[in-house]
């Protein structure tokens, strides 16, 4: 029997830039707002909590020692800890849980690049050491395209005794950019006992549905589903409006445990999805 549906949040970067523009502040890498303008990050967290999210993601996705090489004046530990802390403070007393959100690195691991496994593990351990000091409820490893890198991150995250969700980004052909298949992903991640596995980003719900259904056919692990809204059109609008997005995504409610939105979504999408879940 499938576990109770857990509603996640939606996109963060586009909203933070929107909030910054409204406040007359410069556009910058979104993680820098954690320490430069924490009020924007708090506003983001509260907007998803009010929309009905059971879990919100800390604004920590792209913070690592590699991204900080190009940003002088920022401390990795404080950047990560403040991201988790702001989300925890916003969620206090609401029952909403907070995930330490971690993404892939900007360089390729061997055999595709020069980064060795132990080097990648050290980079992830530095993030995890910082983030777990703020006691997140879970760890989400998302938008990975290389299963080797995700395995390293997941093995490292498992050391911290906190539930870990593993999610990959897929191409339209049903494989990741590095050619990893759903069955390979499920088989290699299962021994790590993740809280859930699945997919996020890259594809709209219509294209992502066959992939999450394939996951359901090859694993008994809980599933994670957070597609984006599809490609952005020339005028900056999304291909899939909120009502259509929620209608499509809801087709996965019978098989997924964790569900939300990625790029292009907003609190409006999550609010509509919350209503569907409540009435299902």
C-alpha atoms as a PDB file:
ATOM      1  CA  UNK A   1       0.000   0.000   0.000  1.00  0.00           C
ATOM      2  CA  UNK A   2       1.351   3.454  -0.948  1.00  0.00           C
ATOM      3  CA  UNK A   3       2.316   5.773   1.877  1.00  0.00           C
ATOM      4  CA  UNK A   4       0.388   8.984   2.564  1.00  0.00           C
ATOM      5  CA  UNK A   5       1.101  11.655  -0.054  1.00  0.00           C
ATOM      6  CA  UNK A   6       3.631  14.269   1.058  1.00  0.00           C
ATOM      7  CA  UNK A   7       3.377  17.648  -0.671  1.00  0.00           C
ATOM      8  CA  UNK A   8       6.661  19.366  -1.504  1.00  0.00           C
ATOM      9  CA  UNK A   9       7.308  22.964  -2.554  1.00  0.00           C
ATOM     10  CA  UNK A  10       7.875  24.472  -6.006  1.00  0.00           C
ATOM     11  CA  UNK A  11      10.519  26.563  -7.750  1.00  0.00           C
ATOM     12  CA  UNK A  12      12.724  28.847  -5.675  1.00  0.00           C
ATOM     13  CA  UNK A  13      15.179  30.730  -7.905  1.00  0.00           C
ATOM     14  CA  UNK A  14      12.626  32.481 -10.105  1.00  0.00           C
ATOM     15  CA  UNK A  15      10.615  33.567  -7.069  1.00  0.00           C
ATOM     16  CA  UNK A  16      13.655  34.877  -5.203  1.00  0.00           C
ATOM     17  CA  UNK A  17      14.669  36.931  -8.241  1.00  0.00           C
ATOM     18  CA  UNK A  18      11.113  38.229  -8.489  1.00  0.00           C
ATOM     19  CA  UNK A  19      11.143  39.221  -4.808  1.00  0.00           C
ATOM     20  CA  UNK A  20      14.542  40.888  -5.274  1.00  0.00           C
ATOM     21  CA  UNK A  21      13.315  42.884  -8.270  1.00  0.00           C
ATOM     22  CA  UNK A  22      10.239  44.034  -6.325  1.00  0.00           C
ATOM     23  CA  UNK A  23      12.531  45.206  -3.520  1.00  0.00           C
ATOM     24  CA  UNK A  24      14.892  46.989  -5.924  1.00  0.00           C
ATOM     25  CA  UNK A  25      17.709  44.546  -5.198  1.00  0.00           C
ATOM     26  CA  UNK A  26      20.200  43.119  -7.709  1.00  0.00           C
ATOM     27  CA  UNK A  27      19.813  39.709  -9.300  1.00  0.00           C
ATOM     28  CA  UNK A  28      22.508  37.313  -8.073  1.00  0.00           C
ATOM     29  CA  UNK A  29      23.080  33.592  -7.457  1.00  0.00           C
ATOM     30  CA  UNK A  30      20.085  32.720  -5.285  1.00  0.00           C
ATOM     31  CA  UNK A  31      22.086  31.132  -2.456  1.00  0.00           C
ATOM     32  CA  UNK A  32      23.734  34.497  -1.771  1.00  0.00           C
ATOM     33  CA  UNK A  33      20.401  35.860  -0.547  1.00  0.00           C
ATOM     34  CA  UNK A  34      20.713  33.585   2.520  1.00  0.00           C
ATOM     35  CA  UNK A  35      23.196  35.979   4.089  1.00  0.00           C
ATOM     36  CA  UNK A  36      22.731  39.152   2.007  1.00  0.00           C
ATOM     37  CA  UNK A  37      18.933  39.421   2.136  1.00  0.00           C
ATOM     38  CA  UNK A  38      17.524  36.692   4.401  1.00  0.00           C
ATOM     39  CA  UNK A  39      14.106  38.373   4.435  1.00  0.00           C
ATOM     40  CA  UNK A  40      13.620  37.261   0.812  1.00  0.00           C
ATOM     41  CA  UNK A  41      14.410  33.643   1.675  1.00  0.00           C
ATOM     42  CA  UNK A  42      12.030  33.765   4.630  1.00  0.00           C
ATOM     43  CA  UNK A  43       9.312  35.179   2.369  1.00  0.00           C
ATOM     44  CA  UNK A  44       9.887  32.315  -0.082  1.00  0.00           C
ATOM     45  CA  UNK A  45       9.641  29.666   2.633  1.00  0.00           C
ATOM     46  CA  UNK A  46       6.485  31.146   4.132  1.00  0.00           C
ATOM     47  CA  UNK A  47       4.814  31.396   0.721  1.00  0.00           C
ATOM     48  CA  UNK A  48       5.118  27.636   0.227  1.00  0.00           C
ATOM     49  CA  UNK A  49       4.142  26.820   3.802  1.00  0.00           C
ATOM     50  CA  UNK A  50       0.997  28.914   3.352  1.00  0.00           C
ATOM     51  CA  UNK A  51       0.327  27.143   0.034  1.00  0.00           C
ATOM     52  CA  UNK A  52       0.241  23.798   1.865  1.00  0.00           C
ATOM     53  CA  UNK A  53       3.722  22.278   1.504  1.00  0.00           C
ATOM     54  CA  UNK A  54       4.439  19.478   3.975  1.00  0.00           C
ATOM     55  CA  UNK A  55       8.161  19.803   3.226  1.00  0.00           C
ATOM     56  CA  UNK A  56      10.044  22.896   2.063  1.00  0.00           C
ATOM     57  CA  UNK A  57      13.569  22.829   0.662  1.00  0.00           C
ATOM     58  CA  UNK A  58      16.276  24.989   2.207  1.00  0.00           C
ATOM     59  CA  UNK A  59      17.884  27.462  -0.207  1.00  0.00           C
ATOM     60  CA  UNK A  60      21.089  25.423  -0.387  1.00  0.00           C
ATOM     61  CA  UNK A  61      20.884  23.583  -3.720  1.00  0.00           C
ATOM     62  CA  UNK A  62      23.956  25.066  -5.419  1.00  0.00           C
ATOM     63  CA  UNK A  63      26.185  25.846  -2.439  1.00  0.00           C
ATOM     64  CA  UNK A  64      29.480  23.962  -2.525  1.00  0.00           C
ATOM     65  CA  UNK A  65      33.184  24.712  -2.482  1.00  0.00           C
ATOM     66  CA  UNK A  66      33.278  24.852  -6.292  1.00  0.00           C
ATOM     67  CA  UNK A  67      30.527  27.470  -6.583  1.00  0.00           C
ATOM     68  CA  UNK A  68      32.167  29.531  -3.838  1.00  0.00           C
ATOM     69  CA  UNK A  69      35.412  29.714  -5.823  1.00  0.00           C
ATOM     70  CA  UNK A  70      33.716  32.366  -7.976  1.00  0.00           C
ATOM     71  CA  UNK A  71      32.111  34.285  -5.105  1.00  0.00           C
ATOM     72  CA  UNK A  72      34.539  36.030  -2.785  1.00  0.00           C
ATOM     73  CA  UNK A  73      33.358  37.093   0.637  1.00  0.00           C
ATOM     74  CA  UNK A  74      31.019  34.147   1.242  1.00  0.00           C
ATOM     75  CA  UNK A  75      31.603  31.397   3.790  1.00  0.00           C
ATOM     76  CA  UNK A  76      30.364  27.927   2.885  1.00  0.00           C
ATOM     77  CA  UNK A  77      29.336  26.868   6.377  1.00  0.00           C
ATOM     78  CA  UNK A  78      27.411  30.057   7.106  1.00  0.00           C
ATOM     79  CA  UNK A  79      25.787  30.060   3.657  1.00  0.00           C
ATOM     80  CA  UNK A  80      24.523  26.497   4.098  1.00  0.00           C
ATOM     81  CA  UNK A  81      23.565  26.846   7.752  1.00  0.00           C
ATOM     82  CA  UNK A  82      21.690  30.091   7.172  1.00  0.00           C
ATOM     83  CA  UNK A  83      19.722  28.480   4.343  1.00  0.00           C
ATOM     84  CA  UNK A  84      18.535  25.665   6.603  1.00  0.00           C
ATOM     85  CA  UNK A  85      18.064  27.972   9.592  1.00  0.00           C
ATOM     86  CA  UNK A  86      15.834  30.398   7.682  1.00  0.00           C
ATOM     87  CA  UNK A  87      13.618  27.560   6.461  1.00  0.00           C
ATOM     88  CA  UNK A  88      13.420  26.063   9.966  1.00  0.00           C
ATOM     89  CA  UNK A  89      12.487  29.421  11.484  1.00  0.00           C
ATOM     90  CA  UNK A  90       9.771  29.953   8.874  1.00  0.00           C
ATOM     91  CA  UNK A  91       8.401  26.457   9.497  1.00  0.00           C
ATOM     92  CA  UNK A  92       8.484  26.652  13.308  1.00  0.00           C
ATOM     93  CA  UNK A  93       5.126  25.727  14.788  1.00  0.00           C
ATOM     94  CA  UNK A  94       3.540  24.871  11.427  1.00  0.00           C
ATOM     95  CA  UNK A  95       4.312  21.159  11.226  1.00  0.00           C
ATOM     96  CA  UNK A  96       6.116  21.712   7.926  1.00  0.00           C
ATOM     97  CA  UNK A  97       9.422  19.849   7.648  1.00  0.00           C
ATOM     98  CA  UNK A  98      12.657  21.174   6.162  1.00  0.00           C
ATOM     99  CA  UNK A  99      14.990  19.440   3.715  1.00  0.00           C
ATOM    100  CA  UNK A 100      18.671  20.203   3.287  1.00  0.00           C
ATOM    101  CA  UNK A 101      18.698  20.541  -0.512  1.00  0.00           C
ATOM    102  CA  UNK A 102      21.848  19.447  -2.357  1.00  0.00           C
ATOM    103  CA  UNK A 103      22.492  19.379  -6.090  1.00  0.00           C
ATOM    104  CA  UNK A 104      25.139  17.986  -8.447  1.00  0.00           C
ATOM    105  CA  UNK A 105      28.570  19.532  -8.786  1.00  0.00           C
ATOM    106  CA  UNK A 106      29.471  21.724 -11.749  1.00  0.00           C
ATOM    107  CA  UNK A 107      32.299  19.436 -12.886  1.00  0.00           C
ATOM    108  CA  UNK A 108      32.251  15.872 -14.160  1.00  0.00           C
ATOM    109  CA  UNK A 109      33.463  12.926 -12.134  1.00  0.00           C
ATOM    110  CA  UNK A 110      35.697  10.209 -13.528  1.00  0.00           C
ATOM    111  CA  UNK A 111      35.492   8.638 -16.083  1.00  0.00           C
ATOM    112  CA  UNK A 112      33.790  11.645 -17.741  1.00  0.00           C
ATOM    113  CA  UNK A 113      35.981  14.261 -16.057  1.00  0.00           C
ATOM    114  CA  UNK A 114      38.849  14.755 -13.630  1.00  0.00           C
ATOM    115  CA  UNK A 115      36.982  14.765 -10.302  1.00  0.00           C
ATOM    116  CA  UNK A 116      37.745  11.633  -8.290  1.00  0.00           C
ATOM    117  CA  UNK A 117      35.186   9.891  -6.065  1.00  0.00           C
ATOM    118  CA  UNK A 118      36.938  10.754  -2.818  1.00  0.00           C
ATOM    119  CA  UNK A 119      37.186  14.407  -3.861  1.00  0.00           C
ATOM    120  CA  UNK A 120      33.456  14.505  -4.601  1.00  0.00           C
ATOM    121  CA  UNK A 121      32.704  12.826  -1.271  1.00  0.00           C
ATOM    122  CA  UNK A 122      34.788  15.442   0.560  1.00  0.00           C
ATOM    123  CA  UNK A 123      32.895  18.272  -1.162  1.00  0.00           C
ATOM    124  CA  UNK A 124      29.557  16.757  -0.200  1.00  0.00           C
ATOM    125  CA  UNK A 125      30.702  16.019   3.342  1.00  0.00           C
ATOM    126  CA  UNK A 126      31.574  19.695   3.805  1.00  0.00           C
ATOM    127  CA  UNK A 127      28.011  20.683   2.814  1.00  0.00           C
ATOM    128  CA  UNK A 128      26.483  17.975   4.988  1.00  0.00           C
ATOM    129  CA  UNK A 129      28.636  18.842   8.000  1.00  0.00           C
ATOM    130  CA  UNK A 130      27.377  22.421   7.807  1.00  0.00           C
ATOM    131  CA  UNK A 131      23.736  21.754   6.988  1.00  0.00           C
ATOM    132  CA  UNK A 132      23.128  19.021   9.536  1.00  0.00           C
ATOM    133  CA  UNK A 133      24.236  21.338  12.353  1.00  0.00           C
ATOM    134  CA  UNK A 134      20.852  23.068  11.873  1.00  0.00           C
ATOM    135  CA  UNK A 135      18.971  19.755  12.262  1.00  0.00           C
ATOM    136  CA  UNK A 136      17.081  19.424   8.969  1.00  0.00           C
ATOM    137  CA  UNK A 137      14.390  16.756   8.900  1.00  0.00           C
ATOM    138  CA  UNK A 138      15.733  15.118   5.766  1.00  0.00           C
ATOM    139  CA  UNK A 139      18.281  15.465   2.974  1.00  0.00           C
ATOM    140  CA  UNK A 140      17.268  15.762  -0.680  1.00  0.00           C
ATOM    141  CA  UNK A 141      19.824  15.044  -3.407  1.00  0.00           C
ATOM    142  CA  UNK A 142      18.174  16.327  -6.587  1.00  0.00           C
ATOM    143  CA  UNK A 143      18.653  17.120 -10.273  1.00  0.00           C
ATOM    144  CA  UNK A 144      21.589  14.710 -10.629  1.00  0.00           C
ATOM    145  CA  UNK A 145      22.437  13.599 -14.167  1.00  0.00           C
ATOM    146  CA  UNK A 146      25.287  11.209 -13.321  1.00  0.00           C
ATOM    147  CA  UNK A 147      24.390   8.155 -11.241  1.00  0.00           C
ATOM    148  CA  UNK A 148      28.019   7.765 -10.148  1.00  0.00           C
ATOM    149  CA  UNK A 149      27.941  11.230  -8.578  1.00  0.00           C
ATOM    150  CA  UNK A 150      24.549  10.605  -6.973  1.00  0.00           C
ATOM    151  CA  UNK A 151      25.824   7.350  -5.464  1.00  0.00           C
ATOM    152  CA  UNK A 152      28.792   9.151  -3.924  1.00  0.00           C
ATOM    153  CA  UNK A 153      26.549  11.891  -2.533  1.00  0.00           C
ATOM    154  CA  UNK A 154      24.028   9.367  -1.195  1.00  0.00           C
ATOM    155  CA  UNK A 155      26.670   7.173   0.427  1.00  0.00           C
ATOM    156  CA  UNK A 156      28.132  10.245   2.105  1.00  0.00           C
ATOM    157  CA  UNK A 157      24.722  11.556   3.197  1.00  0.00           C
ATOM    158  CA  UNK A 158      23.808   8.187   4.696  1.00  0.00           C
ATOM    159  CA  UNK A 159      26.561   8.670   7.296  1.00  0.00           C
ATOM    160  CA  UNK A 160      24.459  11.373   8.993  1.00  0.00           C
ATOM    161  CA  UNK A 161      21.536   9.179  10.033  1.00  0.00           C
ATOM    162  CA  UNK A 162      18.901  11.420   8.406  1.00  0.00           C
ATOM    163  CA  UNK A 163      16.417  10.218   5.727  1.00  0.00           C
ATOM    164  CA  UNK A 164      17.826  10.777   2.229  1.00  0.00           C
ATOM    165  CA  UNK A 165      15.823  11.252  -0.975  1.00  0.00           C
ATOM    166  CA  UNK A 166      17.592  10.707  -4.315  1.00  0.00           C
ATOM    167  CA  UNK A 167      16.319  12.279  -7.537  1.00  0.00           C
ATOM    168  CA  UNK A 168      17.672  12.458 -11.061  1.00  0.00           C
ATOM    169  CA  UNK A 169      16.982  14.647 -14.080  1.00  0.00           C
ATOM    170  CA  UNK A 170      15.979  12.894 -17.302  1.00  0.00           C
ATOM    171  CA  UNK A 171      15.975  13.556 -21.027  1.00  0.00           C
ATOM    172  CA  UNK A 172      12.956  12.830 -23.218  1.00  0.00           C
ATOM    173  CA  UNK A 173      14.429   9.433 -24.125  1.00  0.00           C
ATOM    174  CA  UNK A 174      13.868   8.223 -20.559  1.00  0.00           C
ATOM    175  CA  UNK A 175      17.543   8.292 -19.605  1.00  0.00           C
ATOM    176  CA  UNK A 176      19.719  10.808 -17.809  1.00  0.00           C
ATOM    177  CA  UNK A 177      22.231  12.945 -19.684  1.00  0.00           C
ATOM    178  CA  UNK A 178      24.872  10.338 -18.822  1.00  0.00           C
ATOM    179  CA  UNK A 179      22.695   7.528 -20.165  1.00  0.00           C
ATOM    180  CA  UNK A 180      21.541   6.088 -16.846  1.00  0.00           C
ATOM    181  CA  UNK A 181      18.294   4.107 -17.106  1.00  0.00           C
ATOM    182  CA  UNK A 182      15.486   3.895 -14.552  1.00  0.00           C
ATOM    183  CA  UNK A 183      16.262   0.236 -13.818  1.00  0.00           C
ATOM    184  CA  UNK A 184      19.975   0.968 -13.282  1.00  0.00           C
ATOM    185  CA  UNK A 185      19.143   3.830 -10.923  1.00  0.00           C
ATOM    186  CA  UNK A 186      16.705   1.763  -8.881  1.00  0.00           C
ATOM    187  CA  UNK A 187      19.071  -1.203  -8.691  1.00  0.00           C
ATOM    188  CA  UNK A 188      22.124   0.792  -7.624  1.00  0.00           C
ATOM    189  CA  UNK A 189      20.366   3.054  -5.115  1.00  0.00           C
ATOM    190  CA  UNK A 190      18.299   0.348  -3.401  1.00  0.00           C
ATOM    191  CA  UNK A 191      21.203  -0.951  -1.238  1.00  0.00           C
ATOM    192  CA  UNK A 192      21.549   2.560   0.238  1.00  0.00           C
ATOM    193  CA  UNK A 193      17.946   2.387   1.547  1.00  0.00           C
ATOM    194  CA  UNK A 194      16.902   5.893   0.468  1.00  0.00           C
ATOM    195  CA  UNK A 195      13.648   7.344   1.806  1.00  0.00           C
ATOM    196  CA  UNK A 196      12.561   7.736  -1.827  1.00  0.00           C
ATOM    197  CA  UNK A 197      13.913   7.832  -5.371  1.00  0.00           C
ATOM    198  CA  UNK A 198      12.581   9.499  -8.479  1.00  0.00           C
ATOM    199  CA  UNK A 199      12.905  12.428 -10.825  1.00  0.00           C
ATOM    200  CA  UNK A 200      12.737  16.196 -10.917  1.00  0.00           C
ATOM    201  CA  UNK A 201      13.311  19.109 -13.295  1.00  0.00           C
ATOM    202  CA  UNK A 202      14.146  18.845 -17.026  1.00  0.00           C
ATOM    203  CA  UNK A 203      10.742  17.605 -18.218  1.00  0.00           C
ATOM    204  CA  UNK A 204       7.154  18.779 -17.947  1.00  0.00           C
ATOM    205  CA  UNK A 205       4.633  16.462 -16.273  1.00  0.00           C
ATOM    206  CA  UNK A 206       3.319  14.937 -19.497  1.00  0.00           C
ATOM    207  CA  UNK A 207       6.825  13.807 -20.524  1.00  0.00           C
ATOM    208  CA  UNK A 208       7.818  12.844 -16.982  1.00  0.00           C
ATOM    209  CA  UNK A 209       4.806  10.631 -16.236  1.00  0.00           C
ATOM    210  CA  UNK A 210       6.017   7.602 -18.270  1.00  0.00           C
ATOM    211  CA  UNK A 211       9.356   7.751 -16.448  1.00  0.00           C
ATOM    212  CA  UNK A 212       7.883   7.822 -12.947  1.00  0.00           C
ATOM    213  CA  UNK A 213       5.572   4.969 -13.961  1.00  0.00           C
ATOM    214  CA  UNK A 214       8.638   3.021 -15.066  1.00  0.00           C
ATOM    215  CA  UNK A 215      10.147   3.630 -11.618  1.00  0.00           C
ATOM    216  CA  UNK A 216       6.971   2.198 -10.070  1.00  0.00           C
ATOM    217  CA  UNK A 217       7.328  -0.923 -12.205  1.00  0.00           C
ATOM    218  CA  UNK A 218      10.902  -1.682 -11.116  1.00  0.00           C
ATOM    219  CA  UNK A 219      11.070  -0.710  -7.422  1.00  0.00           C
ATOM    220  CA  UNK A 220       9.057  -0.891  -4.218  1.00  0.00           C
ATOM    221  CA  UNK A 221      10.821   2.167  -2.805  1.00  0.00           C
ATOM    222  CA  UNK A 222       8.684   5.278  -2.199  1.00  0.00           C
ATOM    223  CA  UNK A 223       8.757   7.579  -5.221  1.00  0.00           C
ATOM    224  CA  UNK A 224       9.610  11.278  -5.551  1.00  0.00           C
ATOM    225  CA  UNK A 225       8.110  13.348  -8.389  1.00  0.00           C
ATOM    226  CA  UNK A 226       8.875  17.044  -8.933  1.00  0.00           C
ATOM    227  CA  UNK A 227       8.731  17.871 -12.671  1.00  0.00           C
ATOM    228  CA  UNK A 228       9.047  21.349 -14.077  1.00  0.00           C
ATOM    229  CA  UNK A 229       6.478  23.111 -16.244  1.00  0.00           C
ATOM    230  CA  UNK A 230       8.128  22.336 -19.559  1.00  0.00           C
ATOM    231  CA  UNK A 231      10.202  24.663 -21.759  1.00  0.00           C
ATOM    232  CA  UNK A 232       9.892  28.425 -21.305  1.00  0.00           C
ATOM    233  CA  UNK A 233       8.390  30.183 -24.314  1.00  0.00           C
ATOM    234  CA  UNK A 234       9.977  33.158 -26.087  1.00  0.00           C
ATOM    235  CA  UNK A 235       7.805  35.628 -24.177  1.00  0.00           C
ATOM    236  CA  UNK A 236       8.975  34.167 -20.870  1.00  0.00           C
ATOM    237  CA  UNK A 237       5.732  32.351 -20.136  1.00  0.00           C
ATOM    238  CA  UNK A 238       5.470  28.702 -19.172  1.00  0.00           C
ATOM    239  CA  UNK A 239       4.171  26.058 -21.523  1.00  0.00           C
ATOM    240  CA  UNK A 240       1.975  24.536 -18.816  1.00  0.00           C
ATOM    241  CA  UNK A 241      -0.348  26.749 -16.769  1.00  0.00           C
ATOM    242  CA  UNK A 242      -1.043  25.874 -13.146  1.00  0.00           C
ATOM    243  CA  UNK A 243      -4.374  24.121 -13.726  1.00  0.00           C
ATOM    244  CA  UNK A 244      -3.016  21.996 -16.578  1.00  0.00           C
ATOM    245  CA  UNK A 245       0.178  21.207 -14.659  1.00  0.00           C
ATOM    246  CA  UNK A 246      -1.729  20.028 -11.598  1.00  0.00           C
ATOM    247  CA  UNK A 247      -4.117  17.971 -13.731  1.00  0.00           C
ATOM    248  CA  UNK A 248      -1.158  16.176 -15.351  1.00  0.00           C
ATOM    249  CA  UNK A 249       0.931  15.748 -12.201  1.00  0.00           C
ATOM    250  CA  UNK A 250      -2.067  14.403 -10.292  1.00  0.00           C
ATOM    251  CA  UNK A 251      -2.071  11.346 -12.547  1.00  0.00           C
ATOM    252  CA  UNK A 252       0.925  10.132 -10.538  1.00  0.00           C
ATOM    253  CA  UNK A 253      -0.774  10.422  -7.141  1.00  0.00           C
ATOM    254  CA  UNK A 254      -1.584   6.717  -7.058  1.00  0.00           C
ATOM    255  CA  UNK A 255       2.091   5.731  -7.257  1.00  0.00           C
ATOM    256  CA  UNK A 256       4.209   8.539  -5.752  1.00  0.00           C
ATOM    257  CA  UNK A 257       4.693   9.465  -2.109  1.00  0.00           C
ATOM    258  CA  UNK A 258       6.515  12.804  -2.497  1.00  0.00           C
ATOM    259  CA  UNK A 259       5.124  15.256  -5.053  1.00  0.00           C
ATOM    260  CA  UNK A 260       5.722  18.918  -5.878  1.00  0.00           C
ATOM    261  CA  UNK A 261       6.988  21.219  -8.602  1.00  0.00           C
ATOM    262  CA  UNK A 262      10.325  22.294 -10.032  1.00  0.00           C
ATOM    263  CA  UNK A 263      11.283  25.122 -12.422  1.00  0.00           C
ATOM    264  CA  UNK A 264       8.413  27.327 -13.543  1.00  0.00           C
ATOM    265  CA  UNK A 265       6.082  26.444 -10.685  1.00  0.00           C
ATOM    266  CA  UNK A 266       5.024  28.769  -7.870  1.00  0.00           C
ATOM    267  CA  UNK A 267       2.940  28.747  -4.673  1.00  0.00           C
ATOM    268  CA  UNK A 268      -0.161  28.913  -6.893  1.00  0.00           C
ATOM    269  CA  UNK A 269       0.714  25.515  -8.397  1.00  0.00           C
ATOM    270  CA  UNK A 270       1.342  24.020  -4.961  1.00  0.00           C
ATOM    271  CA  UNK A 271      -1.905  25.449  -3.568  1.00  0.00           C
ATOM    272  CA  UNK A 272      -3.900  23.857  -6.394  1.00  0.00           C
ATOM    273  CA  UNK A 273      -2.057  20.562  -5.931  1.00  0.00           C
ATOM    274  CA  UNK A 274      -2.784  20.681  -2.185  1.00  0.00           C
ATOM    275  CA  UNK A 275      -6.497  20.986  -2.973  1.00  0.00           C
ATOM    276  CA  UNK A 276      -6.369  17.969  -5.290  1.00  0.00           C
ATOM    277  CA  UNK A 277      -4.548  15.870  -2.681  1.00  0.00           C
ATOM    278  CA  UNK A 278      -7.002  16.913   0.025  1.00  0.00           C
ATOM    279  CA  UNK A 279      -9.955  15.848  -2.113  1.00  0.00           C
ATOM    280  CA  UNK A 280      -8.455  12.633  -3.458  1.00  0.00           C
END
